[in-house]
Structures are given as structure tokens and as C-alpha cells.
Amino acid sequence: MRQSAAVAGPVSVGSAGPAPVWLTDNLPGVAENLALDELLLDSVHEGSLTVPVVRTWMASSPTVVLGASSRVADEVDLAACAAEGVEIVRRPSGGLTVILGPGCLMWSVIAPYPEGSPAIDTLHACMLEPLAAGLRSAGRAVVRRGASDLALATTGNDEEADLKVSGNALRVRRQGVLYHGTLLDSFDLGLVDRVLRHPPREPGYRAGRPHGKFLANLGLGRERLEEVVRSAFNAVGGRVDWREERIAEMVRDRYASPSWTHRL
């Protein structure tokens, strides 16, 4: 069991409550990391975890991650995944399918809201605005685009030329929120074109562009990106309670289960 001291009182990211904990626990696989995000969300919803948690991780090999309601055949080229040796898993949050792996940093914020979770638009703003500001401070012209994207702004005011560097998703429970997503840094963008189909829906600024003409890398390096995430949410070092045996159960029963992954 991983342990930390309990922190009392109502908290939310961006409030005057306790500073978020920067969780550095390193889990071995994508399934385990997705399970940990969900387990932490359960903990804040149930009230056993009363401080926000911020964490980052990176997959060691390319992995397609379906949204909770994604239809596999609509969003993924299964034959290409098999040929490339790309694993497919499903996350607990909404949004469309992504592919991650080395060079794509994953970030998560798990926040308790004891008085009830805010509106979706408010959540997008309080999670993405500080991250975008941090990336601009690191020298990248990052702006919010669509409902939950971050993009590199190109010269001029043509949003349809902006390049996506981060796609994000959330799962909301009555008293807690999981917000997590990607930060493309040095990822093989050609792989996205090879294994993912054109999405069934898209933000207006994409303007029908294929993956290869829509995505870009930040080129900051993992260490700098992690510093940006940690600073954006004023996260401090600490430890958090979570049960390793519960992670193993969640992986076995869902995240590593074909019936869960291919249910749609």
C-alpha cells in the first residue's frame, strides 16, 4: 500500500485549498496507469482522498487508447495495429481515440469537489488555461482550440492552420473529476496516420486535415514538459494512498480484457 497523510478540507485545482500532490509513482504499463487514474478518481469521489493529485507518465511502446464510448471499427485500423504491433486499450473517460508511446507525455489531474463538480466548460478552462500558459512560458505559442485541445498557433490569425499538440478528456463524478490527456513532444506522428482512421467528429479548426497535417510535436523534452505540468498546477511532492492489489484487479477485469476493450 502507498501511503500519505490525510489532508482535510474542501479543495479544487486553482482554489486556495491545499496544494495538489505531485505523484511520481511509476507504473509499468498503459493499462496500469489508466487504472490508477480511475482508482484515484474513485478515492476523491468517495472522500478518502481530499487533495488534488497531478501526475505524468509515458508509455514504453505505442498503444492505441480508445475513449470510453469509441467504436473500434470507426476509429482504428485493426489490421495496421496488428502489423505494427500496437496494443489497443480503452480508458474510462470520454473523447475520441488517441495513440501514445515514447515521445508522448501523458498528464493527469484528479481533483476532489466536495460541494459538487463544476460545469464542463469551467473544468476545461481551469485545467487547460494554466497548462497553455505554462507552455507559452516555455517558449511555445500554445493556445486552446476546440473543446479540449491545445494547439500551436501559426503566424497570422488562421485557426485552421493551427497544429494540435494536446488532446484531453475527462470523467466527472459527483464529487470528483479526472482530467487527463496527451502532450506530443517527440512522437512518431506518421504512426498516427498509419493506425488511426480519420475521426468521426472533429473540432472546426481541424478543417478536415489528415492526422499528418494536423498534429505537431512540442520539442521541449520530457523533463521540461514535466516541469511545466507541475508548475501549472503548483503541485508539491507527496505520497498518496492506493492499493496495488486493486490496480491489479482493475487491469485483469477491464483494462487488459478484450471484452472491455472491444465492447463497442
C-alpha atoms as a PDB file:
ATOM      1  CA  MET A   1       0.000   0.000   0.000  1.00  0.00           C
ATOM      2  CA  ARG A   2       1.241   3.509  -0.869  1.00  0.00           C
ATOM      3  CA  GLN A   3       0.560   5.966   1.940  1.00  0.00           C
ATOM      4  CA  SER A   4       0.303   9.671   2.623  1.00  0.00           C
ATOM      5  CA  ALA A   5      -1.018  11.863   5.378  1.00  0.00           C
ATOM      6  CA  ALA A   6      -4.672  12.833   5.011  1.00  0.00           C
ATOM      7  CA  VAL A   7      -5.382  16.429   4.079  1.00  0.00           C
ATOM      8  CA  ALA A   8      -8.728  17.803   5.237  1.00  0.00           C
ATOM      9  CA  GLY A   9     -10.988  20.485   3.827  1.00  0.00           C
ATOM     10  CA  PRO A  10     -12.649  21.317   0.506  1.00  0.00           C
ATOM     11  CA  VAL A  11     -10.204  21.589  -2.347  1.00  0.00           C
ATOM     12  CA  SER A  12     -10.166  22.194  -6.083  1.00  0.00           C
ATOM     13  CA  VAL A  13      -7.490  22.895  -8.637  1.00  0.00           C
ATOM     14  CA  GLY A  14      -6.959  26.626  -8.836  1.00  0.00           C
ATOM     15  CA  SER A  15      -8.523  27.318  -5.434  1.00  0.00           C
ATOM     16  CA  ALA A  16      -6.947  28.445  -2.194  1.00  0.00           C
ATOM     17  CA  GLY A  17      -7.177  24.903  -0.810  1.00  0.00           C
ATOM     18  CA  PRO A  18      -4.283  22.511  -0.197  1.00  0.00           C
ATOM     19  CA  ALA A  19      -1.669  22.360  -2.937  1.00  0.00           C
ATOM     20  CA  PRO A  20      -2.019  19.374  -5.277  1.00  0.00           C
ATOM     21  CA  VAL A  21       0.268  16.418  -4.691  1.00  0.00           C
ATOM     22  CA  TRP A  22       2.805  15.663  -7.425  1.00  0.00           C
ATOM     23  CA  LEU A  23       2.600  11.866  -7.692  1.00  0.00           C
ATOM     24  CA  THR A  24       5.783  10.270  -9.010  1.00  0.00           C
ATOM     25  CA  ASP A  25       4.822   6.589  -8.723  1.00  0.00           C
ATOM     26  CA  ASN A  26       5.942   4.770 -11.867  1.00  0.00           C
ATOM     27  CA  LEU A  27       3.592   2.034 -13.112  1.00  0.00           C
ATOM     28  CA  PRO A  28       4.726  -0.475 -15.742  1.00  0.00           C
ATOM     29  CA  GLY A  29       2.064  -0.288 -18.442  1.00  0.00           C
ATOM     30  CA  VAL A  30      -0.689   1.745 -20.060  1.00  0.00           C
ATOM     31  CA  ALA A  31      -3.422  -0.414 -18.526  1.00  0.00           C
ATOM     32  CA  GLU A  32      -1.984   0.073 -15.036  1.00  0.00           C
ATOM     33  CA  ASN A  33      -1.725   3.831 -15.480  1.00  0.00           C
ATOM     34  CA  LEU A  34      -5.313   4.121 -16.714  1.00  0.00           C
ATOM     35  CA  ALA A  35      -6.450   2.016 -13.772  1.00  0.00           C
ATOM     36  CA  LEU A  36      -4.566   4.274 -11.360  1.00  0.00           C
ATOM     37  CA  ASP A  37      -6.265   7.370 -12.780  1.00  0.00           C
ATOM     38  CA  GLU A  38      -9.665   5.758 -12.259  1.00  0.00           C
ATOM     39  CA  LEU A  39      -8.784   4.495  -8.784  1.00  0.00           C
ATOM     40  CA  LEU A  40      -7.717   7.996  -7.716  1.00  0.00           C
ATOM     41  CA  LEU A  41     -10.975   9.391  -9.111  1.00  0.00           C
ATOM     42  CA  ASP A  42     -12.931   6.849  -7.055  1.00  0.00           C
ATOM     43  CA  SER A  43     -10.951   7.923  -3.983  1.00  0.00           C
ATOM     44  CA  VAL A  44     -11.685  11.641  -4.340  1.00  0.00           C
ATOM     45  CA  HIS A  45     -15.350  10.938  -5.092  1.00  0.00           C
ATOM     46  CA  GLU A  46     -15.681   8.758  -2.005  1.00  0.00           C
ATOM     47  CA  GLY A  47     -13.829  11.279   0.180  1.00  0.00           C
ATOM     48  CA  SER A  48     -10.872   9.088   1.141  1.00  0.00           C
ATOM     49  CA  LEU A  49      -8.552  11.336  -0.885  1.00  0.00           C
ATOM     50  CA  THR A  50      -9.078  15.025  -0.141  1.00  0.00           C
ATOM     51  CA  VAL A  51      -6.242  16.700  -2.003  1.00  0.00           C
ATOM     52  CA  PRO A  52      -5.829  17.069  -5.786  1.00  0.00           C
ATOM     53  CA  VAL A  53      -3.280  14.816  -7.466  1.00  0.00           C
ATOM     54  CA  VAL A  54      -1.175  15.715 -10.506  1.00  0.00           C
ATOM     55  CA  ARG A  55       0.856  13.097 -12.320  1.00  0.00           C
ATOM     56  CA  THR A  56       2.624  12.380 -15.605  1.00  0.00           C
ATOM     57  CA  TRP A  57       3.681   9.166 -17.284  1.00  0.00           C
ATOM     58  CA  MET A  58       4.865   7.879 -20.642  1.00  0.00           C
ATOM     59  CA  ALA A  59       4.111   4.592 -22.385  1.00  0.00           C
ATOM     60  CA  SER A  60       7.140   2.487 -23.267  1.00  0.00           C
ATOM     61  CA  SER A  61       5.638   1.287 -26.566  1.00  0.00           C
ATOM     62  CA  PRO A  62       2.965   2.596 -28.978  1.00  0.00           C
ATOM     63  CA  THR A  63      -0.551   1.949 -27.698  1.00  0.00           C
ATOM     64  CA  VAL A  64      -3.942   2.956 -29.060  1.00  0.00           C
ATOM     65  CA  VAL A  65      -6.263   4.249 -26.333  1.00  0.00           C
ATOM     66  CA  LEU A  66      -9.969   4.265 -27.120  1.00  0.00           C
ATOM     67  CA  GLY A  67     -12.382   6.694 -25.496  1.00  0.00           C
ATOM     68  CA  ALA A  68     -14.990   5.170 -23.192  1.00  0.00           C
ATOM     69  CA  SER A  69     -17.623   5.316 -25.955  1.00  0.00           C
ATOM     70  CA  SER A  70     -15.378   4.923 -29.002  1.00  0.00           C
ATOM     71  CA  ARG A  71     -16.361   2.357 -31.640  1.00  0.00           C
ATOM     72  CA  VAL A  72     -13.232   0.434 -32.548  1.00  0.00           C
ATOM     73  CA  ALA A  73     -14.038  -0.093 -36.226  1.00  0.00           C
ATOM     74  CA  ASP A  74     -14.870   3.592 -36.737  1.00  0.00           C
ATOM     75  CA  GLU A  75     -11.642   4.951 -35.272  1.00  0.00           C
ATOM     76  CA  VAL A  76      -8.931   2.287 -35.538  1.00  0.00           C
ATOM     77  CA  ASP A  77      -7.343   0.328 -38.379  1.00  0.00           C
ATOM     78  CA  LEU A  78      -7.109  -3.055 -36.681  1.00  0.00           C
ATOM     79  CA  ALA A  79      -5.015  -4.633 -39.444  1.00  0.00           C
ATOM     80  CA  ALA A  80      -2.480  -1.799 -39.256  1.00  0.00           C
ATOM     81  CA  CYS A  81      -2.286  -2.127 -35.466  1.00  0.00           C
ATOM     82  CA  ALA A  82      -1.601  -5.830 -35.811  1.00  0.00           C
ATOM     83  CA  ALA A  83       1.075  -5.205 -38.444  1.00  0.00           C
ATOM     84  CA  GLU A  84       2.749  -2.511 -36.324  1.00  0.00           C
ATOM     85  CA  GLY A  85       2.428  -4.481 -33.072  1.00  0.00           C
ATOM     86  CA  VAL A  86       0.337  -1.733 -31.490  1.00  0.00           C
ATOM     87  CA  GLU A  87      -1.693  -2.709 -28.413  1.00  0.00           C
ATOM     88  CA  ILE A  88      -5.260  -1.398 -28.015  1.00  0.00           C
ATOM     89  CA  VAL A  89      -6.812  -0.455 -24.662  1.00  0.00           C
ATOM     90  CA  ARG A  90      -9.830   1.569 -23.530  1.00  0.00           C
ATOM     91  CA  ARG A  91      -9.804   4.410 -20.997  1.00  0.00           C
ATOM     92  CA  PRO A  92     -12.571   5.398 -18.531  1.00  0.00           C
ATOM     93  CA  SER A  93     -13.001   8.931 -19.894  1.00  0.00           C
ATOM     94  CA  GLY A  94     -14.804  10.288 -22.937  1.00  0.00           C
ATOM     95  CA  GLY A  95     -13.433  11.714 -26.160  1.00  0.00           C
ATOM     96  CA  LEU A  96     -12.004  10.078 -29.245  1.00  0.00           C
ATOM     97  CA  THR A  97      -9.222   7.576 -29.791  1.00  0.00           C
ATOM     98  CA  VAL A  98      -5.561   8.548 -29.454  1.00  0.00           C
ATOM     99  CA  ILE A  99      -2.261   6.757 -29.847  1.00  0.00           C
ATOM    100  CA  LEU A 100       0.544   7.270 -27.381  1.00  0.00           C
ATOM    101  CA  GLY A 101       4.007   5.938 -26.721  1.00  0.00           C
ATOM    102  CA  PRO A 102       7.600   7.175 -26.391  1.00  0.00           C
ATOM    103  CA  GLY A 103       7.697  10.911 -27.027  1.00  0.00           C
ATOM    104  CA  CYS A 104       4.093  11.480 -25.919  1.00  0.00           C
ATOM    105  CA  LEU A 105       3.830  12.603 -22.293  1.00  0.00           C
ATOM    106  CA  MET A 106       0.582  11.772 -20.533  1.00  0.00           C
ATOM    107  CA  TRP A 107      -0.675  14.123 -17.829  1.00  0.00           C
ATOM    108  CA  SER A 108      -3.483  13.695 -15.311  1.00  0.00           C
ATOM    109  CA  VAL A 109      -5.207  15.848 -12.724  1.00  0.00           C
ATOM    110  CA  ILE A 110      -7.553  14.176 -10.264  1.00  0.00           C
ATOM    111  CA  ALA A 111      -9.447  16.775  -8.245  1.00  0.00           C
ATOM    112  CA  PRO A 112     -11.961  16.449  -5.391  1.00  0.00           C
ATOM    113  CA  TYR A 113     -15.001  18.727  -5.446  1.00  0.00           C
ATOM    114  CA  PRO A 114     -16.859  18.021  -2.169  1.00  0.00           C
ATOM    115  CA  GLU A 115     -19.548  20.595  -2.981  1.00  0.00           C
ATOM    116  CA  GLY A 116     -20.168  19.139  -6.437  1.00  0.00           C
ATOM    117  CA  SER A 117     -18.212  19.208  -9.684  1.00  0.00           C
ATOM    118  CA  PRO A 118     -18.255  22.425 -11.766  1.00  0.00           C
ATOM    119  CA  ALA A 119     -19.735  22.760 -15.239  1.00  0.00           C
ATOM    120  CA  ILE A 120     -17.809  21.088 -18.062  1.00  0.00           C
ATOM    121  CA  ASP A 121     -16.763  24.402 -19.653  1.00  0.00           C
ATOM    122  CA  THR A 122     -15.394  25.548 -16.293  1.00  0.00           C
ATOM    123  CA  LEU A 123     -13.390  22.348 -15.924  1.00  0.00           C
ATOM    124  CA  HIS A 124     -11.862  22.693 -19.390  1.00  0.00           C
ATOM    125  CA  ALA A 125     -10.831  26.247 -18.569  1.00  0.00           C
ATOM    126  CA  CYS A 126      -9.344  25.607 -15.130  1.00  0.00           C
ATOM    127  CA  MET A 127      -7.336  22.631 -16.413  1.00  0.00           C
ATOM    128  CA  LEU A 128      -6.198  23.886 -19.814  1.00  0.00           C
ATOM    129  CA  GLU A 129      -5.609  27.594 -19.248  1.00  0.00           C
ATOM    130  CA  PRO A 130      -2.750  27.153 -16.739  1.00  0.00           C
ATOM    131  CA  LEU A 131      -1.170  24.427 -18.851  1.00  0.00           C
ATOM    132  CA  ALA A 132      -1.329  26.557 -22.002  1.00  0.00           C
ATOM    133  CA  ALA A 133       0.180  29.474 -20.090  1.00  0.00           C
ATOM    134  CA  GLY A 134       2.998  27.253 -18.835  1.00  0.00           C
ATOM    135  CA  LEU A 135       3.788  26.056 -22.337  1.00  0.00           C
ATOM    136  CA  ARG A 136       3.862  29.640 -23.591  1.00  0.00           C
ATOM    137  CA  SER A 137       6.312  30.476 -20.813  1.00  0.00           C
ATOM    138  CA  ALA A 138       8.447  27.590 -22.072  1.00  0.00           C
ATOM    139  CA  GLY A 139       8.608  29.250 -25.481  1.00  0.00           C
ATOM    140  CA  ARG A 140       5.782  27.556 -27.397  1.00  0.00           C
ATOM    141  CA  ALA A 141       2.886  29.590 -28.844  1.00  0.00           C
ATOM    142  CA  VAL A 142       0.189  27.328 -27.390  1.00  0.00           C
ATOM    143  CA  VAL A 143      -3.494  28.251 -27.418  1.00  0.00           C
ATOM    144  CA  ARG A 144      -6.740  26.471 -26.601  1.00  0.00           C
ATOM    145  CA  ARG A 145      -8.695  25.177 -29.573  1.00  0.00           C
ATOM    146  CA  GLY A 146     -11.935  23.245 -29.852  1.00  0.00           C
ATOM    147  CA  ALA A 147     -13.481  21.983 -26.628  1.00  0.00           C
ATOM    148  CA  SER A 148     -10.384  20.411 -25.095  1.00  0.00           C
ATOM    149  CA  ASP A 149      -7.349  20.727 -27.386  1.00  0.00           C
ATOM    150  CA  LEU A 150      -4.132  22.668 -27.098  1.00  0.00           C
ATOM    151  CA  ALA A 151      -2.520  23.760 -30.357  1.00  0.00           C
ATOM    152  CA  LEU A 152       0.499  25.589 -31.674  1.00  0.00           C
ATOM    153  CA  ALA A 153      -0.714  28.859 -33.117  1.00  0.00           C
ATOM    154  CA  THR A 154       0.704  29.615 -36.532  1.00  0.00           C
ATOM    155  CA  THR A 155       1.543  33.079 -37.785  1.00  0.00           C
ATOM    156  CA  GLY A 156      -1.476  35.200 -38.570  1.00  0.00           C
ATOM    157  CA  ASN A 157      -4.970  34.574 -37.267  1.00  0.00           C
ATOM    158  CA  ASP A 158      -5.879  31.480 -39.271  1.00  0.00           C
ATOM    159  CA  GLU A 159      -7.111  28.929 -36.718  1.00  0.00           C
ATOM    160  CA  GLU A 160      -7.386  26.332 -39.471  1.00  0.00           C
ATOM    161  CA  ALA A 161      -3.592  26.332 -39.739  1.00  0.00           C
ATOM    162  CA  ASP A 162      -3.002  25.717 -36.011  1.00  0.00           C
ATOM    163  CA  LEU A 163      -1.405  22.370 -35.140  1.00  0.00           C
ATOM    164  CA  LYS A 164      -2.695  20.173 -32.332  1.00  0.00           C
ATOM    165  CA  VAL A 165      -0.196  19.211 -29.636  1.00  0.00           C
ATOM    166  CA  SER A 166      -2.540  18.030 -26.893  1.00  0.00           C
ATOM    167  CA  GLY A 167      -5.865  16.205 -26.807  1.00  0.00           C
ATOM    168  CA  ASN A 168      -7.664  15.827 -23.489  1.00  0.00           C
ATOM    169  CA  ALA A 169     -10.613  14.049 -21.927  1.00  0.00           C
ATOM    170  CA  LEU A 170     -12.417  13.974 -18.617  1.00  0.00           C
ATOM    171  CA  ARG A 171     -14.630  11.839 -16.462  1.00  0.00           C
ATOM    172  CA  VAL A 172     -16.857  13.603 -13.986  1.00  0.00           C
ATOM    173  CA  ARG A 173     -18.308  12.121 -10.836  1.00  0.00           C
ATOM    174  CA  ARG A 174     -20.495  13.998  -8.416  1.00  0.00           C
ATOM    175  CA  GLN A 175     -17.637  14.865  -6.054  1.00  0.00           C
ATOM    176  CA  GLY A 176     -14.557  14.417  -8.171  1.00  0.00           C
ATOM    177  CA  VAL A 177     -13.090  14.876 -11.620  1.00  0.00           C
ATOM    178  CA  LEU A 178     -10.446  13.070 -13.659  1.00  0.00           C
ATOM    179  CA  TYR A 179      -8.901  15.238 -16.376  1.00  0.00           C
ATOM    180  CA  HIS A 180      -6.143  13.708 -18.461  1.00  0.00           C
ATOM    181  CA  GLY A 181      -4.570  13.896 -21.877  1.00  0.00           C
ATOM    182  CA  THR A 182      -1.582  13.904 -24.184  1.00  0.00           C
ATOM    183  CA  LEU A 183       1.340  16.231 -24.776  1.00  0.00           C
ATOM    184  CA  LEU A 184       3.055  15.416 -28.073  1.00  0.00           C
ATOM    185  CA  ASP A 185       6.753  16.145 -27.743  1.00  0.00           C
ATOM    186  CA  SER A 186       8.861  13.870 -29.974  1.00  0.00           C
ATOM    187  CA  PHE A 187       6.284  11.325 -31.082  1.00  0.00           C
ATOM    188  CA  ASP A 188       6.266   9.385 -34.365  1.00  0.00           C
ATOM    189  CA  LEU A 189       3.433  11.338 -35.978  1.00  0.00           C
ATOM    190  CA  GLY A 190       3.489   9.114 -39.057  1.00  0.00           C
ATOM    191  CA  LEU A 191       2.298   6.237 -36.877  1.00  0.00           C
ATOM    192  CA  VAL A 192      -0.926   8.139 -36.149  1.00  0.00           C
ATOM    193  CA  ASP A 193      -1.769   8.209 -39.859  1.00  0.00           C
ATOM    194  CA  ARG A 194      -0.988   4.518 -40.191  1.00  0.00           C
ATOM    195  CA  VAL A 195      -3.140   3.123 -37.372  1.00  0.00           C
ATOM    196  CA  LEU A 196      -5.952   5.638 -36.727  1.00  0.00           C
ATOM    197  CA  ARG A 197      -8.788   6.417 -39.105  1.00  0.00           C
ATOM    198  CA  HIS A 198     -10.000   9.965 -39.658  1.00  0.00           C
ATOM    199  CA  PRO A 199     -12.113  10.711 -36.564  1.00  0.00           C
ATOM    200  CA  PRO A 200     -15.909  10.501 -36.831  1.00  0.00           C
ATOM    201  CA  ARG A 201     -16.146  14.045 -35.493  1.00  0.00           C
ATOM    202  CA  GLU A 202     -13.644  16.866 -35.283  1.00  0.00           C
ATOM    203  CA  PRO A 203     -13.236  20.439 -33.991  1.00  0.00           C
ATOM    204  CA  GLY A 204     -13.837  23.195 -36.519  1.00  0.00           C
ATOM    205  CA  TYR A 205     -10.201  24.294 -36.609  1.00  0.00           C
ATOM    206  CA  ARG A 206      -9.135  20.876 -37.947  1.00  0.00           C
ATOM    207  CA  ALA A 207     -10.942  21.673 -41.217  1.00  0.00           C
ATOM    208  CA  GLY A 208     -10.770  18.102 -42.464  1.00  0.00           C
ATOM    209  CA  ARG A 209      -6.988  17.859 -42.305  1.00  0.00           C
ATOM    210  CA  PRO A 210      -5.460  14.352 -42.065  1.00  0.00           C
ATOM    211  CA  HIS A 211      -3.502  13.486 -38.938  1.00  0.00           C
ATOM    212  CA  GLY A 212      -0.156  14.222 -40.565  1.00  0.00           C
ATOM    213  CA  LYS A 213      -1.128  17.796 -41.407  1.00  0.00           C
ATOM    214  CA  PHE A 214      -2.962  18.436 -38.147  1.00  0.00           C
ATOM    215  CA  LEU A 215      -0.557  17.283 -35.422  1.00  0.00           C
ATOM    216  CA  ALA A 216       2.788  18.648 -34.206  1.00  0.00           C
ATOM    217  CA  ASN A 217       5.409  17.970 -31.541  1.00  0.00           C
ATOM    218  CA  LEU A 218       6.377  20.487 -28.871  1.00  0.00           C
ATOM    219  CA  GLY A 219      10.056  19.518 -28.844  1.00  0.00           C
ATOM    220  CA  LEU A 220      10.698  20.522 -25.230  1.00  0.00           C
ATOM    221  CA  GLY A 221      11.912  17.207 -23.812  1.00  0.00           C
ATOM    222  CA  ARG A 222      10.263  15.121 -21.102  1.00  0.00           C
ATOM    223  CA  GLU A 223      11.968  16.788 -18.156  1.00  0.00           C
ATOM    224  CA  ARG A 224      10.943  20.292 -19.259  1.00  0.00           C
ATOM    225  CA  LEU A 225       7.394  19.189 -20.031  1.00  0.00           C
ATOM    226  CA  GLU A 226       7.008  17.595 -16.613  1.00  0.00           C
ATOM    227  CA  GLU A 227       8.256  20.796 -15.036  1.00  0.00           C
ATOM    228  CA  VAL A 228       5.626  22.746 -16.995  1.00  0.00           C
ATOM    229  CA  VAL A 229       2.814  20.442 -15.813  1.00  0.00           C
ATOM    230  CA  ARG A 230       3.933  20.518 -12.208  1.00  0.00           C
ATOM    231  CA  SER A 231       4.302  24.306 -12.179  1.00  0.00           C
ATOM    232  CA  ALA A 232       0.991  24.881 -13.966  1.00  0.00           C
ATOM    233  CA  PHE A 233      -0.896  23.319 -11.060  1.00  0.00           C
ATOM    234  CA  ASN A 234       1.503  24.312  -8.247  1.00  0.00           C
ATOM    235  CA  ALA A 235       1.912  20.646  -7.327  1.00  0.00           C
ATOM    236  CA  VAL A 236       4.201  19.683  -4.459  1.00  0.00           C
ATOM    237  CA  GLY A 237       5.898  16.429  -3.574  1.00  0.00           C
ATOM    238  CA  GLY A 238       3.965  13.871  -1.581  1.00  0.00           C
ATOM    239  CA  ARG A 239       2.544  10.379  -1.426  1.00  0.00           C
ATOM    240  CA  VAL A 240      -0.977   9.128  -1.940  1.00  0.00           C
ATOM    241  CA  ASP A 241      -2.825   6.047  -0.702  1.00  0.00           C
ATOM    242  CA  TRP A 242      -3.607   3.495  -3.377  1.00  0.00           C
ATOM    243  CA  ARG A 243      -3.807  -0.266  -3.266  1.00  0.00           C
ATOM    244  CA  GLU A 244      -1.615  -2.206  -5.665  1.00  0.00           C
ATOM    245  CA  GLU A 245      -3.907  -5.217  -5.460  1.00  0.00           C
ATOM    246  CA  ARG A 246      -6.858  -3.078  -6.545  1.00  0.00           C
ATOM    247  CA  ILE A 247      -4.899  -1.864  -9.594  1.00  0.00           C
ATOM    248  CA  ALA A 248      -4.164  -5.488 -10.494  1.00  0.00           C
ATOM    249  CA  GLU A 249      -7.876  -6.353 -10.201  1.00  0.00           C
ATOM    250  CA  MET A 250      -8.921  -3.445 -12.405  1.00  0.00           C
ATOM    251  CA  VAL A 251      -6.353  -4.367 -15.045  1.00  0.00           C
ATOM    252  CA  ARG A 252      -7.387  -8.016 -15.043  1.00  0.00           C
ATOM    253  CA  ASP A 253     -11.129  -7.392 -15.099  1.00  0.00           C
ATOM    254  CA  ARG A 254     -11.240  -4.460 -17.505  1.00  0.00           C
ATOM    255  CA  TYR A 255      -8.182  -2.702 -18.856  1.00  0.00           C
ATOM    256  CA  ALA A 256      -6.468  -5.853 -20.103  1.00  0.00           C
ATOM    257  CA  SER A 257      -9.730  -7.590 -21.001  1.00  0.00           C
ATOM    258  CA  PRO A 258     -10.668  -7.857 -24.706  1.00  0.00           C
ATOM    259  CA  SER A 259     -14.352  -7.851 -23.737  1.00  0.00           C
ATOM    260  CA  TRP A 260     -13.887  -4.408 -22.166  1.00  0.00           C
ATOM    261  CA  THR A 261     -11.681  -3.002 -24.911  1.00  0.00           C
ATOM    262  CA  HIS A 262     -13.755  -4.276 -27.858  1.00  0.00           C
ATOM    263  CA  ARG A 263     -17.206  -3.904 -26.341  1.00  0.00           C
ATOM    264  CA  LEU A 264     -18.137  -1.258 -28.926  1.00  0.00           C
END
